[in-house]
Amino acid sequence: RHSAVTAGSTAAANTSTASMSLLPVSGKETSPMTAGAAWDVNDLDAATVRSYVNRFERVAKGEEVKFNVPAPANMALAILFSNAGQANAAKRDNNHFGTFTDNGYYDNAWMNWRAHSERLNKRFPELSNNSVNYQQWIAALAKTNYSSDGKLVDKVMDIVERFNLDRL
């Protein structure tokens, strides 16, 4: 169904999980969107997602310009990892992507978005090619050790498609 990116999904599933994942970590808590249970894009509340997109659209576009992380992909990752800002880590610690600080807390959500973009560019410089579209970028992400979730590509693409994030 996502033929442009599904091939990368297999590579991601076969990648060693010994290296650090960028999946959200805040204590022992995980987002319901990334937990081991079955995931369905329709479990996301549409009004909550729309509000989240409205709140962070400018941030996602700014990160795309500065770090070449396509706004649709970055927004979908944030929605997935933070449950559209509803996960406790997002509410309590401004942590929408994962913990990149010693204390796991950010003064504001923008700081976590920036830390995520910086971390992506540092750990996966091959992703910062500005000639790619969001589908190509997501397929390239799947070929890295960004996540041990073999379904991450499909989840991200489902979010982009369901909420028309390609318009970002």
C-alpha atoms as a PDB file:
ATOM      1  CA  ARG A   1       0.000   0.000   0.000  1.00  0.00           C
ATOM      2  CA  HIS A   2       2.874   2.393   0.644  1.00  0.00           C
ATOM      3  CA  SER A   3       5.081   0.919  -2.061  1.00  0.00           C
ATOM      4  CA  ALA A   4       7.507   3.841  -2.089  1.00  0.00           C
ATOM      5  CA  VAL A   5       8.354   3.308   1.535  1.00  0.00           C
ATOM      6  CA  THR A   6       7.455  -0.283   2.322  1.00  0.00           C
ATOM      7  CA  ALA A   7      10.755  -1.573   0.978  1.00  0.00           C
ATOM      8  CA  GLY A   8      12.547   0.522   3.574  1.00  0.00           C
ATOM      9  CA  SER A   9      10.311  -0.904   6.275  1.00  0.00           C
ATOM     10  CA  THR A  10      11.860  -4.335   5.833  1.00  0.00           C
ATOM     11  CA  ALA A  11      15.327  -2.878   6.159  1.00  0.00           C
ATOM     12  CA  ALA A  12      14.315  -1.137   9.367  1.00  0.00           C
ATOM     13  CA  ALA A  13      12.916  -4.349  10.791  1.00  0.00           C
ATOM     14  CA  ASN A  14      16.195  -6.136  10.084  1.00  0.00           C
ATOM     15  CA  THR A  15      18.364  -3.403  11.577  1.00  0.00           C
ATOM     16  CA  SER A  16      20.175  -4.220  14.783  1.00  0.00           C
ATOM     17  CA  THR A  17      18.396  -2.909  17.847  1.00  0.00           C
ATOM     18  CA  ALA A  18      21.596  -2.732  19.867  1.00  0.00           C
ATOM     19  CA  SER A  19      22.028   0.927  18.998  1.00  0.00           C
ATOM     20  CA  MET A  20      20.013   3.628  20.704  1.00  0.00           C
ATOM     21  CA  SER A  21      16.551   4.269  19.383  1.00  0.00           C
ATOM     22  CA  LEU A  22      15.038   7.731  19.178  1.00  0.00           C
ATOM     23  CA  LEU A  23      11.675   6.467  20.352  1.00  0.00           C
ATOM     24  CA  PRO A  24      10.264   8.455  23.249  1.00  0.00           C
ATOM     25  CA  VAL A  25      11.521   7.536  26.665  1.00  0.00           C
ATOM     26  CA  SER A  26      10.401   9.254  29.813  1.00  0.00           C
ATOM     27  CA  GLY A  27      10.888   7.016  32.782  1.00  0.00           C
ATOM     28  CA  LYS A  28       9.119   3.751  32.021  1.00  0.00           C
ATOM     29  CA  GLU A  29       6.265   5.381  30.197  1.00  0.00           C
ATOM     30  CA  THR A  30       5.618   4.890  26.481  1.00  0.00           C
ATOM     31  CA  SER A  31       3.141   6.535  24.210  1.00  0.00           C
ATOM     32  CA  PRO A  32       0.015   4.484  23.531  1.00  0.00           C
ATOM     33  CA  MET A  33       0.812   5.071  19.872  1.00  0.00           C
ATOM     34  CA  THR A  34       4.190   3.312  20.112  1.00  0.00           C
ATOM     35  CA  ALA A  35       3.397   0.640  22.679  1.00  0.00           C
ATOM     36  CA  GLY A  36       3.343  -3.009  21.648  1.00  0.00           C
ATOM     37  CA  ALA A  37      -0.444  -3.152  21.293  1.00  0.00           C
ATOM     38  CA  ALA A  38      -2.083  -3.092  17.865  1.00  0.00           C
ATOM     39  CA  TRP A  39      -2.006   0.408  16.407  1.00  0.00           C
ATOM     40  CA  ASP A  40      -4.572   1.987  14.122  1.00  0.00           C
ATOM     41  CA  VAL A  41      -4.405   5.514  12.741  1.00  0.00           C
ATOM     42  CA  ASN A  42      -8.155   5.803  13.324  1.00  0.00           C
ATOM     43  CA  ASP A  43      -7.528   5.581  17.073  1.00  0.00           C
ATOM     44  CA  LEU A  44      -6.184   9.133  16.883  1.00  0.00           C
ATOM     45  CA  ASP A  45      -8.819  11.752  17.665  1.00  0.00           C
ATOM     46  CA  ALA A  46      -9.187  13.875  14.526  1.00  0.00           C
ATOM     47  CA  ALA A  47     -10.010  17.123  16.368  1.00  0.00           C
ATOM     48  CA  THR A  48      -7.018  16.660  18.689  1.00  0.00           C
ATOM     49  CA  VAL A  49      -4.720  15.992  15.738  1.00  0.00           C
ATOM     50  CA  ARG A  50      -6.018  19.057  13.866  1.00  0.00           C
ATOM     51  CA  SER A  51      -5.405  21.216  16.923  1.00  0.00           C
ATOM     52  CA  TYR A  52      -1.892  19.773  17.296  1.00  0.00           C
ATOM     53  CA  VAL A  53      -1.114  20.398  13.611  1.00  0.00           C
ATOM     54  CA  ASN A  54      -2.373  23.980  13.895  1.00  0.00           C
ATOM     55  CA  ARG A  55      -0.197  24.507  16.970  1.00  0.00           C
ATOM     56  CA  PHE A  56       3.016  23.069  15.477  1.00  0.00           C
ATOM     57  CA  GLU A  57       2.679  23.677  11.730  1.00  0.00           C
ATOM     58  CA  ARG A  58       5.020  26.693  11.754  1.00  0.00           C
ATOM     59  CA  VAL A  59       7.546  24.783  13.867  1.00  0.00           C
ATOM     60  CA  ALA A  60       7.504  21.816  11.466  1.00  0.00           C
ATOM     61  CA  LYS A  61       7.976  24.125   8.464  1.00  0.00           C
ATOM     62  CA  GLY A  62      10.809  25.963  10.204  1.00  0.00           C
ATOM     63  CA  GLU A  63      12.585  22.703  11.040  1.00  0.00           C
ATOM     64  CA  GLU A  64      12.234  21.651   7.393  1.00  0.00           C
ATOM     65  CA  VAL A  65      13.925  24.846   6.216  1.00  0.00           C
ATOM     66  CA  LYS A  66      16.721  24.694   8.788  1.00  0.00           C
ATOM     67  CA  PHE A  67      17.335  20.918   9.010  1.00  0.00           C
ATOM     68  CA  ASN A  68      15.793  19.446   5.815  1.00  0.00           C
ATOM     69  CA  VAL A  69      13.415  17.262   7.817  1.00  0.00           C
ATOM     70  CA  PRO A  70      10.226  17.271   5.703  1.00  0.00           C
ATOM     71  CA  ALA A  71       7.399  18.915   7.620  1.00  0.00           C
ATOM     72  CA  PRO A  72       4.835  16.157   6.850  1.00  0.00           C
ATOM     73  CA  ALA A  73       7.190  13.434   8.149  1.00  0.00           C
ATOM     74  CA  ASN A  74       8.280  15.400  11.208  1.00  0.00           C
ATOM     75  CA  MET A  75       4.689  16.282  12.098  1.00  0.00           C
ATOM     76  CA  ALA A  76       3.581  12.661  11.693  1.00  0.00           C
ATOM     77  CA  LEU A  77       6.429  11.466  13.948  1.00  0.00           C
ATOM     78  CA  ALA A  78       5.474  14.035  16.581  1.00  0.00           C
ATOM     79  CA  ILE A  79       1.819  13.015  16.397  1.00  0.00           C
ATOM     80  CA  LEU A  80       2.748   9.353  16.690  1.00  0.00           C
ATOM     81  CA  PHE A  81       5.219   9.701  19.558  1.00  0.00           C
ATOM     82  CA  SER A  82       3.253  12.249  21.588  1.00  0.00           C
ATOM     83  CA  ASN A  83      -0.244  10.988  20.786  1.00  0.00           C
ATOM     84  CA  ALA A  84      -0.877  14.431  19.239  1.00  0.00           C
ATOM     85  CA  GLY A  85       0.401  16.103  22.392  1.00  0.00           C
ATOM     86  CA  GLN A  86      -1.810  14.052  24.716  1.00  0.00           C
ATOM     87  CA  ALA A  87       0.851  11.671  26.093  1.00  0.00           C
ATOM     88  CA  ASN A  88       1.913  12.421  29.654  1.00  0.00           C
ATOM     89  CA  ALA A  89       5.522  13.051  28.563  1.00  0.00           C
ATOM     90  CA  ALA A  90       4.310  15.702  26.102  1.00  0.00           C
ATOM     91  CA  LYS A  91       2.035  17.390  28.632  1.00  0.00           C
ATOM     92  CA  ARG A  92       4.319  17.152  31.644  1.00  0.00           C
ATOM     93  CA  ASP A  93       7.798  17.393  30.124  1.00  0.00           C
ATOM     94  CA  ASN A  94       7.219  19.081  26.726  1.00  0.00           C
ATOM     95  CA  ASN A  95       8.596  15.849  25.288  1.00  0.00           C
ATOM     96  CA  HIS A  96       7.041  15.174  21.880  1.00  0.00           C
ATOM     97  CA  PHE A  97       9.722  12.963  20.277  1.00  0.00           C
ATOM     98  CA  GLY A  98      11.875  11.453  22.952  1.00  0.00           C
ATOM     99  CA  THR A  99      14.271  12.418  25.669  1.00  0.00           C
ATOM    100  CA  PHE A 100      17.526  13.953  24.553  1.00  0.00           C
ATOM    101  CA  THR A 101      18.362  15.674  27.845  1.00  0.00           C
ATOM    102  CA  ASP A 102      19.656  14.239  31.095  1.00  0.00           C
ATOM    103  CA  ASN A 103      16.539  15.240  33.014  1.00  0.00           C
ATOM    104  CA  GLY A 104      14.007  14.328  30.282  1.00  0.00           C
ATOM    105  CA  TYR A 105      12.362  17.734  30.588  1.00  0.00           C
ATOM    106  CA  TYR A 106      12.171  20.616  28.109  1.00  0.00           C
ATOM    107  CA  ASP A 107      11.259  24.200  28.983  1.00  0.00           C
ATOM    108  CA  ASN A 108       8.911  24.223  25.997  1.00  0.00           C
ATOM    109  CA  ALA A 109       7.826  21.898  23.200  1.00  0.00           C
ATOM    110  CA  TRP A 110       9.801  23.815  20.579  1.00  0.00           C
ATOM    111  CA  MET A 111      13.037  22.847  22.388  1.00  0.00           C
ATOM    112  CA  ASN A 112      12.148  19.156  21.961  1.00  0.00           C
ATOM    113  CA  TRP A 113      11.327  19.660  18.280  1.00  0.00           C
ATOM    114  CA  ARG A 114      14.711  21.353  17.820  1.00  0.00           C
ATOM    115  CA  ALA A 115      16.564  18.670  19.796  1.00  0.00           C
ATOM    116  CA  HIS A 116      14.921  16.021  17.601  1.00  0.00           C
ATOM    117  CA  SER A 117      15.943  17.784  14.371  1.00  0.00           C
ATOM    118  CA  GLU A 118      19.504  18.281  15.600  1.00  0.00           C
ATOM    119  CA  ARG A 119      19.719  14.666  16.690  1.00  0.00           C
ATOM    120  CA  LEU A 120      18.421  13.431  13.328  1.00  0.00           C
ATOM    121  CA  ASN A 121      21.014  15.482  11.430  1.00  0.00           C
ATOM    122  CA  LYS A 122      23.830  14.419  13.736  1.00  0.00           C
ATOM    123  CA  ARG A 123      23.032  10.689  13.802  1.00  0.00           C
ATOM    124  CA  PHE A 124      21.713  10.354  10.251  1.00  0.00           C
ATOM    125  CA  PRO A 125      23.387  13.002   8.075  1.00  0.00           C
ATOM    126  CA  GLU A 126      22.337  11.074   4.965  1.00  0.00           C
ATOM    127  CA  LEU A 127      18.745  12.190   5.640  1.00  0.00           C
ATOM    128  CA  SER A 128      19.518  15.880   5.172  1.00  0.00           C
ATOM    129  CA  ASN A 129      19.476  15.731   1.355  1.00  0.00           C
ATOM    130  CA  ASN A 130      17.262  18.672   0.373  1.00  0.00           C
ATOM    131  CA  SER A 131      16.253  17.130  -2.966  1.00  0.00           C
ATOM    132  CA  VAL A 132      13.979  14.495  -1.411  1.00  0.00           C
ATOM    133  CA  ASN A 133      10.258  14.614  -0.786  1.00  0.00           C
ATOM    134  CA  TYR A 134       8.687  13.356   2.438  1.00  0.00           C
ATOM    135  CA  GLN A 135       8.035   9.856   1.021  1.00  0.00           C
ATOM    136  CA  GLN A 136      11.672   9.454   0.007  1.00  0.00           C
ATOM    137  CA  TRP A 137      12.793  10.818   3.366  1.00  0.00           C
ATOM    138  CA  ILE A 138      10.575   8.366   5.294  1.00  0.00           C
ATOM    139  CA  ALA A 139      11.874   5.483   3.144  1.00  0.00           C
ATOM    140  CA  ALA A 140      15.448   6.583   3.905  1.00  0.00           C
ATOM    141  CA  LEU A 141      14.609   6.861   7.620  1.00  0.00           C
ATOM    142  CA  ALA A 142      13.380   3.263   7.558  1.00  0.00           C
ATOM    143  CA  LYS A 143      16.827   2.147   6.399  1.00  0.00           C
ATOM    144  CA  THR A 144      18.465   3.626   9.512  1.00  0.00           C
ATOM    145  CA  ASN A 145      18.383   2.429  13.112  1.00  0.00           C
ATOM    146  CA  TYR A 146      16.091   5.319  14.102  1.00  0.00           C
ATOM    147  CA  SER A 147      13.532   2.903  15.505  1.00  0.00           C
ATOM    148  CA  SER A 148      13.221  -0.766  16.251  1.00  0.00           C
ATOM    149  CA  ASP A 149       9.534  -0.547  15.254  1.00  0.00           C
ATOM    150  CA  GLY A 150       9.298  -2.370  11.930  1.00  0.00           C
ATOM    151  CA  LYS A 151       5.897  -0.743  11.331  1.00  0.00           C
ATOM    152  CA  LEU A 152       7.075   2.839  11.901  1.00  0.00           C
ATOM    153  CA  VAL A 153       7.060   3.688   8.183  1.00  0.00           C
ATOM    154  CA  ASP A 154       3.493   2.484   7.746  1.00  0.00           C
ATOM    155  CA  LYS A 155       2.344   4.345  10.869  1.00  0.00           C
ATOM    156  CA  VAL A 156       3.962   7.590   9.748  1.00  0.00           C
ATOM    157  CA  MET A 157       2.543   7.286   6.221  1.00  0.00           C
ATOM    158  CA  ASP A 158      -0.912   6.436   7.597  1.00  0.00           C
ATOM    159  CA  ILE A 159      -0.822   9.609   9.716  1.00  0.00           C
ATOM    160  CA  VAL A 160       0.350  11.756   6.777  1.00  0.00           C
ATOM    161  CA  GLU A 161      -2.414  10.383   4.549  1.00  0.00           C
ATOM    162  CA  ARG A 162      -5.239  10.354   7.123  1.00  0.00           C
ATOM    163  CA  PHE A 163      -4.631  13.957   8.180  1.00  0.00           C
ATOM    164  CA  ASN A 164      -3.501  15.371   4.798  1.00  0.00           C
ATOM    165  CA  LEU A 165      -0.125  16.392   6.178  1.00  0.00           C
ATOM    166  CA  ASP A 166       1.302  16.399   2.655  1.00  0.00           C
ATOM    167  CA  ARG A 167      -0.124  19.929   2.420  1.00  0.00           C
ATOM    168  CA  LEU A 168       2.450  21.190   4.945  1.00  0.00           C
END
